[in-house]
Each structure stands twice: as structure tokens, then as C-alpha cells.
N, C-alpha and C. Protein backbone atom coordinates (compact mmCIF):
# COMPACT_ATOMS: atom_id res chain seq x y z
N UNK A 1 -35.07 42.29 23.92
CA UNK A 1 -35.10 40.99 24.55
C UNK A 1 -33.87 40.21 24.07
N UNK A 2 -33.17 39.65 24.98
CA UNK A 2 -31.96 38.90 24.65
C UNK A 2 -32.33 37.62 23.89
N UNK A 3 -31.38 37.12 23.10
CA UNK A 3 -31.62 35.92 22.31
C UNK A 3 -32.03 34.75 23.19
N UNK A 4 -31.35 34.55 24.32
CA UNK A 4 -31.69 33.45 25.21
C UNK A 4 -33.11 33.58 25.72
N UNK A 5 -33.51 34.79 26.08
CA UNK A 5 -34.87 35.00 26.56
C UNK A 5 -35.88 34.72 25.45
N UNK A 6 -35.58 35.16 24.25
CA UNK A 6 -36.47 34.91 23.12
C UNK A 6 -36.58 33.41 22.87
N UNK A 7 -35.45 32.73 22.91
CA UNK A 7 -35.42 31.28 22.71
C UNK A 7 -36.29 30.60 23.77
N UNK A 8 -36.11 31.02 25.02
CA UNK A 8 -36.88 30.43 26.11
C UNK A 8 -38.37 30.72 25.94
N UNK A 9 -38.68 31.93 25.45
CA UNK A 9 -40.08 32.29 25.24
C UNK A 9 -40.69 31.40 24.17
N UNK A 10 -39.95 31.15 23.10
CA UNK A 10 -40.45 30.33 22.00
C UNK A 10 -40.47 28.84 22.34
N UNK A 11 -39.39 28.39 22.97
CA UNK A 11 -39.23 26.95 23.17
C UNK A 11 -39.17 26.55 24.63
N UNK A 12 -39.51 27.47 25.52
CA UNK A 12 -39.50 27.16 26.94
C UNK A 12 -40.37 25.95 27.23
N UNK A 13 -39.96 25.19 28.21
CA UNK A 13 -40.70 23.98 28.56
C UNK A 13 -40.17 22.76 27.83
N UNK A 14 -39.32 22.97 26.83
CA UNK A 14 -38.76 21.82 26.13
C UNK A 14 -37.52 21.30 26.84
N UNK A 15 -37.03 22.06 27.80
CA UNK A 15 -35.85 21.65 28.57
C UNK A 15 -36.24 21.48 30.02
N UNK A 16 -35.46 20.69 30.76
CA UNK A 16 -35.76 20.55 32.20
C UNK A 16 -35.71 21.91 32.88
N UNK A 17 -36.47 22.04 33.97
CA UNK A 17 -36.52 23.29 34.72
C UNK A 17 -35.12 23.72 35.13
N UNK A 18 -34.81 24.98 34.91
CA UNK A 18 -33.51 25.53 35.28
C UNK A 18 -32.43 25.31 34.23
N UNK A 19 -32.73 24.55 33.18
CA UNK A 19 -31.76 24.29 32.12
C UNK A 19 -32.18 25.06 30.86
N UNK A 20 -31.21 25.59 30.13
CA UNK A 20 -31.58 26.29 28.90
C UNK A 20 -32.02 25.28 27.84
N UNK A 21 -32.87 25.73 26.93
CA UNK A 21 -33.28 24.88 25.82
C UNK A 21 -32.05 24.61 24.96
N UNK A 22 -31.94 23.41 24.46
CA UNK A 22 -30.79 23.04 23.62
C UNK A 22 -31.28 22.54 22.28
N UNK A 23 -30.38 22.49 21.35
CA UNK A 23 -30.71 22.03 20.02
C UNK A 23 -30.04 20.69 19.77
N UNK A 24 -30.74 19.81 19.07
CA UNK A 24 -30.17 18.52 18.70
C UNK A 24 -30.38 18.31 17.22
N UNK A 25 -29.58 17.44 16.65
CA UNK A 25 -29.73 17.06 15.27
C UNK A 25 -29.93 15.56 15.26
N UNK A 26 -31.05 15.10 14.73
CA UNK A 26 -31.40 13.69 14.70
C UNK A 26 -31.36 13.09 16.10
N UNK A 27 -31.74 13.86 17.09
CA UNK A 27 -31.83 13.36 18.45
C UNK A 27 -30.52 13.27 19.19
N UNK A 28 -29.42 13.70 18.55
CA UNK A 28 -28.11 13.64 19.20
C UNK A 28 -27.77 15.03 19.70
N UNK A 29 -27.55 15.19 21.00
CA UNK A 29 -27.24 16.51 21.54
C UNK A 29 -25.90 17.03 21.01
N UNK A 30 -25.82 18.33 20.90
CA UNK A 30 -24.58 18.96 20.47
C UNK A 30 -23.52 18.81 21.55
N UNK A 31 -22.25 18.71 21.17
CA UNK A 31 -21.21 18.64 22.20
C UNK A 31 -21.15 19.95 22.96
N UNK A 32 -20.81 19.89 24.23
CA UNK A 32 -20.74 21.09 25.04
C UNK A 32 -19.43 21.81 24.74
N UNK A 33 -19.55 22.92 24.07
CA UNK A 33 -18.35 23.68 23.72
C UNK A 33 -18.29 24.98 24.50
N UNK A 34 -18.95 24.99 25.63
CA UNK A 34 -18.95 26.20 26.45
C UNK A 34 -20.06 27.14 26.07
N UNK A 35 -20.75 26.86 24.97
CA UNK A 35 -21.82 27.75 24.54
C UNK A 35 -23.18 27.26 24.94
N UNK A 36 -23.24 26.30 25.87
CA UNK A 36 -24.54 25.83 26.33
C UNK A 36 -25.09 24.70 25.50
N UNK A 37 -24.25 24.06 24.70
CA UNK A 37 -24.70 22.92 23.90
C UNK A 37 -25.14 21.79 24.79
N UNK A 38 -25.58 20.73 24.20
CA UNK A 38 -26.18 19.63 24.95
C UNK A 38 -25.23 18.85 25.82
N UNK A 39 -23.94 18.81 25.52
CA UNK A 39 -23.01 18.06 26.34
C UNK A 39 -23.18 16.57 26.21
N UNK A 40 -23.70 16.12 25.06
CA UNK A 40 -23.97 14.71 24.89
C UNK A 40 -22.79 13.92 24.38
N UNK A 41 -21.63 14.51 24.25
CA UNK A 41 -20.46 13.78 23.82
C UNK A 41 -20.45 13.48 22.33
N UNK A 42 -21.23 14.21 21.56
CA UNK A 42 -21.23 13.99 20.12
C UNK A 42 -19.94 14.45 19.49
N UNK A 43 -19.74 14.12 18.24
CA UNK A 43 -18.55 14.49 17.52
C UNK A 43 -18.86 15.72 16.67
N UNK A 44 -18.04 16.74 16.79
CA UNK A 44 -18.28 17.99 16.06
C UNK A 44 -17.94 17.86 14.58
N UNK A 45 -17.24 16.81 14.18
CA UNK A 45 -16.85 16.63 12.79
C UNK A 45 -17.88 15.78 12.06
N UNK A 46 -18.34 16.28 10.92
CA UNK A 46 -19.27 15.54 10.10
C UNK A 46 -18.54 14.38 9.45
N UNK A 47 -19.05 13.20 9.60
CA UNK A 47 -18.45 12.03 8.96
C UNK A 47 -19.49 11.46 8.02
N UNK A 48 -19.12 11.35 6.78
CA UNK A 48 -20.02 10.80 5.78
C UNK A 48 -19.21 9.99 4.79
N UNK A 49 -19.88 9.13 4.07
CA UNK A 49 -19.21 8.24 3.14
C UNK A 49 -20.04 8.13 1.88
N UNK A 50 -19.38 7.97 0.77
CA UNK A 50 -20.06 7.84 -0.51
C UNK A 50 -20.70 6.46 -0.63
N UNK A 51 -20.13 5.47 0.05
CA UNK A 51 -20.57 4.09 -0.07
C UNK A 51 -22.06 3.87 0.10
N UNK A 52 -22.70 4.42 1.13
CA UNK A 52 -24.14 4.18 1.29
C UNK A 52 -24.98 4.65 0.11
N UNK A 53 -24.57 5.71 -0.55
CA UNK A 53 -25.31 6.19 -1.72
C UNK A 53 -25.27 5.15 -2.83
N UNK A 54 -24.06 4.63 -3.07
CA UNK A 54 -23.92 3.63 -4.13
C UNK A 54 -24.63 2.33 -3.75
N UNK A 55 -24.55 1.95 -2.49
CA UNK A 55 -25.24 0.74 -2.03
C UNK A 55 -26.75 0.88 -2.20
N UNK A 56 -27.27 2.04 -1.84
CA UNK A 56 -28.71 2.29 -2.01
C UNK A 56 -29.09 2.25 -3.49
N UNK A 57 -28.23 2.81 -4.35
CA UNK A 57 -28.48 2.77 -5.79
C UNK A 57 -28.47 1.34 -6.32
N UNK A 58 -27.52 0.54 -5.84
CA UNK A 58 -27.46 -0.85 -6.27
C UNK A 58 -28.69 -1.62 -5.81
N UNK A 59 -29.13 -1.37 -4.57
CA UNK A 59 -30.32 -2.04 -4.06
C UNK A 59 -31.54 -1.65 -4.88
N UNK A 60 -31.63 -0.38 -5.24
CA UNK A 60 -32.74 0.07 -6.07
C UNK A 60 -32.71 -0.62 -7.43
N UNK A 61 -31.52 -0.79 -7.99
CA UNK A 61 -31.38 -1.51 -9.27
C UNK A 61 -31.80 -2.96 -9.14
N UNK A 62 -31.44 -3.59 -8.03
CA UNK A 62 -31.85 -4.98 -7.80
C UNK A 62 -33.37 -5.07 -7.67
N UNK A 63 -33.97 -4.09 -6.99
CA UNK A 63 -35.43 -4.07 -6.87
C UNK A 63 -36.10 -3.87 -8.24
N UNK A 64 -35.48 -3.07 -9.07
CA UNK A 64 -36.01 -2.86 -10.42
C UNK A 64 -36.01 -4.17 -11.19
N UNK A 65 -34.88 -4.87 -11.14
CA UNK A 65 -34.77 -6.15 -11.84
C UNK A 65 -35.78 -7.16 -11.30
N UNK A 66 -35.90 -7.23 -9.98
CA UNK A 66 -36.85 -8.15 -9.35
C UNK A 66 -38.29 -7.82 -9.75
N UNK A 67 -38.60 -6.56 -9.81
CA UNK A 67 -39.96 -6.14 -10.18
C UNK A 67 -40.23 -6.46 -11.64
N UNK A 68 -39.23 -6.29 -12.50
CA UNK A 68 -39.39 -6.64 -13.91
C UNK A 68 -39.67 -8.14 -14.06
N UNK A 69 -38.93 -8.93 -13.29
CA UNK A 69 -39.15 -10.38 -13.30
C UNK A 69 -40.56 -10.70 -12.83
N UNK A 70 -41.02 -10.01 -11.80
CA UNK A 70 -42.37 -10.23 -11.28
C UNK A 70 -43.43 -9.88 -12.32
N UNK A 71 -43.21 -8.83 -13.08
CA UNK A 71 -44.15 -8.48 -14.14
C UNK A 71 -44.24 -9.59 -15.19
N UNK A 72 -43.08 -10.12 -15.55
CA UNK A 72 -43.05 -11.21 -16.53
C UNK A 72 -43.76 -12.44 -15.96
N UNK A 73 -43.46 -12.76 -14.70
CA UNK A 73 -44.12 -13.91 -14.05
C UNK A 73 -45.63 -13.72 -13.97
N UNK A 74 -46.07 -12.50 -13.70
CA UNK A 74 -47.50 -12.21 -13.62
C UNK A 74 -48.17 -12.45 -14.97
N UNK A 75 -47.53 -11.97 -16.03
CA UNK A 75 -48.08 -12.20 -17.38
C UNK A 75 -48.13 -13.69 -17.70
N UNK A 76 -47.05 -14.40 -17.40
CA UNK A 76 -46.98 -15.82 -17.68
C UNK A 76 -48.05 -16.59 -16.90
N UNK A 77 -48.22 -16.26 -15.63
CA UNK A 77 -49.19 -16.95 -14.79
C UNK A 77 -50.62 -16.69 -15.24
N UNK A 78 -50.86 -15.59 -15.92
CA UNK A 78 -52.22 -15.24 -16.32
C UNK A 78 -52.53 -15.56 -17.77
N UNK A 79 -51.60 -16.21 -18.48
CA UNK A 79 -51.86 -16.60 -19.86
C UNK A 79 -53.01 -17.61 -19.88
N UNK A 80 -53.96 -17.36 -20.68
CA UNK A 80 -55.07 -18.29 -20.83
C UNK A 80 -56.13 -18.20 -19.75
N UNK A 81 -55.93 -17.35 -18.75
CA UNK A 81 -56.92 -17.26 -17.67
C UNK A 81 -58.26 -16.76 -18.21
N UNK A 82 -58.23 -15.77 -19.09
CA UNK A 82 -59.50 -15.23 -19.57
C UNK A 82 -60.28 -16.26 -20.38
N UNK A 83 -59.58 -17.10 -21.15
CA UNK A 83 -60.27 -18.16 -21.89
C UNK A 83 -60.78 -19.25 -20.97
N UNK A 84 -60.03 -19.55 -19.93
CA UNK A 84 -60.41 -20.61 -19.01
C UNK A 84 -61.50 -20.20 -18.04
N UNK A 85 -61.73 -18.92 -17.93
CA UNK A 85 -62.77 -18.47 -17.00
C UNK A 85 -63.94 -17.83 -17.73
N UNK A 86 -64.00 -18.03 -19.04
CA UNK A 86 -65.09 -17.45 -19.82
C UNK A 86 -66.44 -17.90 -19.24
N UNK A 87 -67.33 -16.96 -19.11
CA UNK A 87 -68.66 -17.25 -18.60
C UNK A 87 -68.78 -17.09 -17.09
N UNK A 88 -67.67 -17.05 -16.40
CA UNK A 88 -67.73 -16.85 -14.95
C UNK A 88 -67.79 -15.36 -14.63
N UNK A 89 -68.47 -15.02 -13.57
CA UNK A 89 -68.58 -13.62 -13.16
C UNK A 89 -67.24 -13.06 -12.72
N UNK A 90 -66.36 -13.94 -12.27
CA UNK A 90 -65.06 -13.49 -11.77
C UNK A 90 -64.08 -13.15 -12.89
N UNK A 91 -64.39 -13.51 -14.11
CA UNK A 91 -63.47 -13.28 -15.22
C UNK A 91 -63.13 -11.80 -15.38
N UNK A 92 -64.12 -10.96 -15.32
CA UNK A 92 -63.91 -9.51 -15.44
C UNK A 92 -63.10 -8.97 -14.28
N UNK A 93 -63.37 -9.48 -13.07
CA UNK A 93 -62.63 -9.03 -11.89
C UNK A 93 -61.16 -9.43 -11.99
N UNK A 94 -60.92 -10.65 -12.48
CA UNK A 94 -59.53 -11.10 -12.63
C UNK A 94 -58.77 -10.23 -13.64
N UNK A 95 -59.42 -9.88 -14.70
CA UNK A 95 -58.80 -9.02 -15.71
C UNK A 95 -58.51 -7.64 -15.13
N UNK A 96 -59.46 -7.11 -14.36
CA UNK A 96 -59.26 -5.80 -13.74
C UNK A 96 -58.12 -5.84 -12.73
N UNK A 97 -58.10 -6.88 -11.90
CA UNK A 97 -57.04 -7.01 -10.90
C UNK A 97 -55.67 -7.13 -11.58
N UNK A 98 -55.61 -7.93 -12.64
CA UNK A 98 -54.35 -8.07 -13.36
C UNK A 98 -53.86 -6.72 -13.86
N UNK A 99 -54.76 -5.92 -14.39
CA UNK A 99 -54.38 -4.60 -14.90
C UNK A 99 -53.87 -3.68 -13.80
N UNK A 100 -54.53 -3.69 -12.65
CA UNK A 100 -54.09 -2.80 -11.57
C UNK A 100 -52.74 -3.25 -11.00
N UNK A 101 -52.54 -4.57 -10.88
CA UNK A 101 -51.25 -5.05 -10.37
C UNK A 101 -50.13 -4.75 -11.36
N UNK A 102 -50.41 -4.89 -12.64
CA UNK A 102 -49.39 -4.56 -13.65
C UNK A 102 -49.05 -3.08 -13.60
N UNK A 103 -50.05 -2.24 -13.41
CA UNK A 103 -49.80 -0.79 -13.32
C UNK A 103 -48.97 -0.46 -12.09
N UNK A 104 -49.29 -1.09 -10.96
CA UNK A 104 -48.53 -0.84 -9.73
C UNK A 104 -47.09 -1.32 -9.86
N UNK A 105 -46.93 -2.54 -10.34
CA UNK A 105 -45.57 -3.08 -10.47
C UNK A 105 -44.75 -2.28 -11.49
N UNK A 106 -45.39 -1.82 -12.54
CA UNK A 106 -44.69 -1.00 -13.53
C UNK A 106 -44.24 0.31 -12.90
N UNK A 107 -45.10 0.92 -12.08
CA UNK A 107 -44.73 2.18 -11.41
C UNK A 107 -43.57 1.95 -10.44
N UNK A 108 -43.61 0.85 -9.70
CA UNK A 108 -42.52 0.53 -8.77
C UNK A 108 -41.22 0.29 -9.54
N UNK A 109 -41.30 -0.49 -10.61
CA UNK A 109 -40.12 -0.77 -11.43
C UNK A 109 -39.51 0.52 -11.97
N UNK A 110 -40.35 1.38 -12.50
CA UNK A 110 -39.85 2.63 -13.08
C UNK A 110 -39.24 3.54 -12.02
N UNK A 111 -39.88 3.61 -10.84
CA UNK A 111 -39.35 4.45 -9.76
C UNK A 111 -38.02 3.90 -9.26
N UNK A 112 -37.90 2.59 -9.15
CA UNK A 112 -36.63 1.99 -8.73
C UNK A 112 -35.53 2.30 -9.74
N UNK A 113 -35.86 2.26 -11.02
CA UNK A 113 -34.89 2.61 -12.06
C UNK A 113 -34.45 4.06 -11.95
N UNK A 114 -35.41 4.94 -11.70
CA UNK A 114 -35.08 6.36 -11.53
C UNK A 114 -34.21 6.56 -10.30
N UNK A 115 -34.59 5.92 -9.20
CA UNK A 115 -33.82 6.07 -7.96
C UNK A 115 -32.41 5.51 -8.09
N UNK A 116 -32.25 4.42 -8.81
CA UNK A 116 -30.91 3.85 -8.98
C UNK A 116 -29.95 4.89 -9.54
N UNK A 117 -30.37 5.54 -10.62
CA UNK A 117 -29.52 6.57 -11.23
C UNK A 117 -29.34 7.78 -10.32
N UNK A 118 -30.42 8.21 -9.69
CA UNK A 118 -30.34 9.41 -8.84
C UNK A 118 -29.45 9.18 -7.63
N UNK A 119 -29.57 8.02 -6.99
CA UNK A 119 -28.76 7.74 -5.80
C UNK A 119 -27.28 7.60 -6.16
N UNK A 120 -27.00 6.90 -7.23
CA UNK A 120 -25.60 6.75 -7.64
C UNK A 120 -25.01 8.10 -8.05
N UNK A 121 -25.81 8.91 -8.71
CA UNK A 121 -25.36 10.25 -9.10
C UNK A 121 -25.10 11.11 -7.87
N UNK A 122 -25.99 11.03 -6.88
CA UNK A 122 -25.79 11.79 -5.65
C UNK A 122 -24.51 11.36 -4.96
N UNK A 123 -24.25 10.07 -4.92
CA UNK A 123 -23.02 9.57 -4.31
C UNK A 123 -21.78 10.05 -5.05
N UNK A 124 -21.84 9.99 -6.37
CA UNK A 124 -20.71 10.45 -7.19
C UNK A 124 -20.48 11.95 -6.96
N UNK A 125 -21.57 12.73 -7.01
CA UNK A 125 -21.45 14.18 -6.79
C UNK A 125 -20.91 14.49 -5.40
N UNK A 126 -21.43 13.77 -4.39
CA UNK A 126 -20.97 13.97 -3.03
C UNK A 126 -19.47 13.70 -2.93
N UNK A 127 -19.04 12.59 -3.51
CA UNK A 127 -17.62 12.24 -3.47
C UNK A 127 -16.74 13.28 -4.14
N UNK A 128 -17.19 13.79 -5.28
CA UNK A 128 -16.43 14.82 -5.99
C UNK A 128 -16.36 16.11 -5.18
N UNK A 129 -17.47 16.50 -4.58
CA UNK A 129 -17.48 17.73 -3.77
C UNK A 129 -16.63 17.56 -2.52
N UNK A 130 -16.71 16.37 -1.90
CA UNK A 130 -15.92 16.11 -0.70
C UNK A 130 -14.43 16.21 -1.01
N UNK A 131 -14.01 15.60 -2.12
CA UNK A 131 -12.60 15.64 -2.50
C UNK A 131 -12.16 17.08 -2.83
N UNK A 132 -13.02 17.82 -3.53
CA UNK A 132 -12.70 19.21 -3.87
C UNK A 132 -12.59 20.06 -2.61
N UNK A 133 -13.49 19.84 -1.66
CA UNK A 133 -13.46 20.59 -0.41
C UNK A 133 -12.19 20.28 0.38
N UNK A 134 -11.81 19.02 0.43
CA UNK A 134 -10.59 18.63 1.14
C UNK A 134 -9.36 19.27 0.49
N UNK A 135 -9.32 19.29 -0.85
CA UNK A 135 -8.19 19.94 -1.55
C UNK A 135 -8.15 21.43 -1.24
N UNK A 136 -9.32 22.08 -1.24
CA UNK A 136 -9.38 23.51 -0.97
C UNK A 136 -8.92 23.82 0.45
N UNK A 137 -9.38 23.04 1.41
CA UNK A 137 -8.97 23.25 2.80
C UNK A 137 -7.47 23.06 2.94
N UNK A 138 -6.95 22.01 2.31
CA UNK A 138 -5.51 21.73 2.40
C UNK A 138 -4.70 22.87 1.76
N UNK A 139 -5.20 23.42 0.67
CA UNK A 139 -4.48 24.49 -0.02
C UNK A 139 -4.49 25.79 0.79
N UNK A 140 -5.56 26.01 1.56
CA UNK A 140 -5.69 27.26 2.31
C UNK A 140 -5.18 27.15 3.74
N UNK A 141 -4.81 25.96 4.16
CA UNK A 141 -4.34 25.76 5.53
C UNK A 141 -2.99 26.43 5.69
N UNK A 142 -2.75 27.05 6.82
CA UNK A 142 -1.45 27.69 7.03
C UNK A 142 -0.38 26.60 7.14
N UNK A 143 0.79 26.96 6.65
CA UNK A 143 1.91 26.03 6.71
C UNK A 143 2.29 25.80 8.17
N UNK A 144 2.67 24.57 8.52
CA UNK A 144 3.06 24.32 9.91
C UNK A 144 4.30 25.13 10.27
N UNK A 145 4.33 25.57 11.51
CA UNK A 145 5.47 26.36 12.00
C UNK A 145 6.71 25.48 12.01
N UNK A 146 7.79 26.06 11.56
CA UNK A 146 9.04 25.30 11.52
C UNK A 146 9.87 25.63 12.74
N UNK A 147 10.45 24.62 13.30
CA UNK A 147 11.28 24.82 14.49
C UNK A 147 12.67 25.28 14.03
N UNK A 148 13.17 26.23 14.76
CA UNK A 148 14.54 26.67 14.46
C UNK A 148 15.48 25.79 15.25
N UNK A 149 16.46 25.30 14.61
CA UNK A 149 17.30 24.44 15.37
C UNK A 149 18.66 24.46 14.93
């Protein structure tokens, strides 16, 4: 069975009638290069930037700081609550709620701290690999033909 027939057997019905099934990445059709690609006018060159990784890491760091501030504010706002609510049935519930919110905020703060480092590291690694790949391609590229004149 030919590859196209197998593809149609597996994924038939995903394309309009009479059209071969095509593949897309993130919903963007592949450029038509004569091989039956989607013809969506996409760009065959991958374009990426280190900046978004660092920006995401910075945002995660800001969220960590904000969450730490919120934990402090939560503690400050609840100082004396247990003494002021002694004898009320809600006192135990307030203490329980405070504990669960502190646990949640602590988990969010810690995860944001972890993500800050991981995202910035990914951006740094990506940038280093991108530069190394560009150097390797440039080193292996054939020299331009020289005109005799």
C-alpha cells in the first residue's frame, strides 16, 4: 500500500473531498512546496527569539514576589483574629482557612520561583544553541562562487 493510500486510510475524511490530507503545525498549513503541503503561505524558516523566555522568567519572578507579599499581608491581617474570635464557632474555621490559603500561596510562590530559574535557563540555553548552530552552518556553507573578470 502506498504511503498516500495509508495516510488516507488513517486520516481520510480530515480533508475536503478530492483533496489529500495535509499536515499543519499549530493550525498553520505547511507552505506548498510541490509535495502536497497545505499551500497556506506559511514561512518555511523557523523564527524564534530568546526574549520571550526571559520575559516569562521575569514575569514568574514578579509573581513570586507578589505572592510573598500576599503571604505577609495574610499573616498581618490575621494577627489577633484567634484571640478576638475566641468562643465563636467560626474561630476554628478561620484558622483552618488561613492554613489552607497559606499552603496554597506558598506552593504558588515556590513554583513561580522554580519557573523563573527554569525559564531564564531555557532562554539562555536556547540562545547559546542558536548561536552555535548559526556558527556551524556558516562554517560549513560553501564559499560563494567568484566571478572571473
